[in-house]
Amino acid sequence: MPVPISASSRGSHGKGVGLGLALLSALAFGGSGVAAKPLIEAGLDPLHVVWLRVAGAAVVMLPLAVRHRTLPLRRPALLAGFGLLAVAGVQACYFAALSRIPVGVALLVEYLAPALVLGWVRFVQRRPVTRAAALGVVLAAGGLACVVEVWSGLSFDAFGLLLALGAACCQVGYFVLSDQGSEAGEQAPDPLGVIAYGLLVGALVLTAVARPWSMDWSVLTGSARMNGTTVPAVALLAWIVLVATVVAYITGVLSVRRLSPQVAGVVACLEAVIATVLAWVLLGEHLSAPQIIGGAVVLLGAYIAQSSAPAKGAAEPVAAGGGAERELSARGTAA
């Protein structure tokens, strides 16, 4: 019948676009750490770099906030949550971790988030999960133990690792909140409006926390060192604001809307690989063989955990369940 075939074709096309957007988002986000760390080493406080990133992106997205000026009245909780967790929380914890541990390690810890999303599916949404999903979580935890080299008594800064884990928890909010309202069709909140107001909320929160009036602004007029190469500080900041924030958030949220928090989380794991490779090439941050193997296991575990969860619109829950679970899944598909 022509109608089902056409609908299937549109669904496949939408998933392909979603995967492409998720990959582009991972590439954009992956370059944030290698651009931010030289600025931090040049004398900027990590929170000041975060504030510059978020405030700069908020200014760029301000016209979209004006265009969707009724959105705060319709979805205030969504915008506040996105700003606090997906913007301020993720960025502040991640950049603070960068000042204490290598870029690759910070991202690998942060990307325990896909496995944590699985916990959200199981314990908050109360959907069953498979044994493969549980295996993925175990693998991710074991790989993390290799990354931090627990046998050597946590050679990395313990507080830095805790900050990276905080970024992982906040990133769960990013994936979950990015998906909010996507089943509402034309009534769903515009994703660009959500991003614009999320950045504004994040900028306001970070202004109170970072106190940018105490920042050493002269750093931005000079240069920073990237593995021995001199780079204009303002060029690094422009990359962080325009590519690693504006482009990254837009493509990331749009990808979650077309896929699901679980599937988008799988592709987002590539950010850790991208950032680790970039940090190796551009910053000279070499990881040991056990750490590289551990990082691969973290990504494998996150992939297994998330690929065992259903994509948006799946007809069945994660594992065979009772009538209530099937009914919930059916409602989600119909929506």
Foldseek 3Di string as FASTA:
>chain_A
DVVVVVVVVVLVVLLVLLLVLLLLLLLLQLPLLLLVLLLVVLPWPLLLLLLLQLVLLLVVLVVVLVVPVCVCVVCVPLLLLCLVQVRQQLSSLLSNLVVFDPNLLLLLLLLLLLLVLLVCCCPVVVFDADPLLVQLNVLLVVLNCLQQVVVVPRPTDPVSSVSSNSSNVSVSSVQVSLQPQLLVPPPRPDQSNSLNSSSVSNSVVSCVVVVNVPTPVVSQQAWGAWQNDTDRSVVSSCSSRPRSRNSSSVSLSSSCSSKNSLVSSLSSLVSSVSNVVCCCVGRVDDDDPSSVVSSVSSSVSSNSNSVLADIQLDQAGSDDDDPVNNVVSVVRNVD
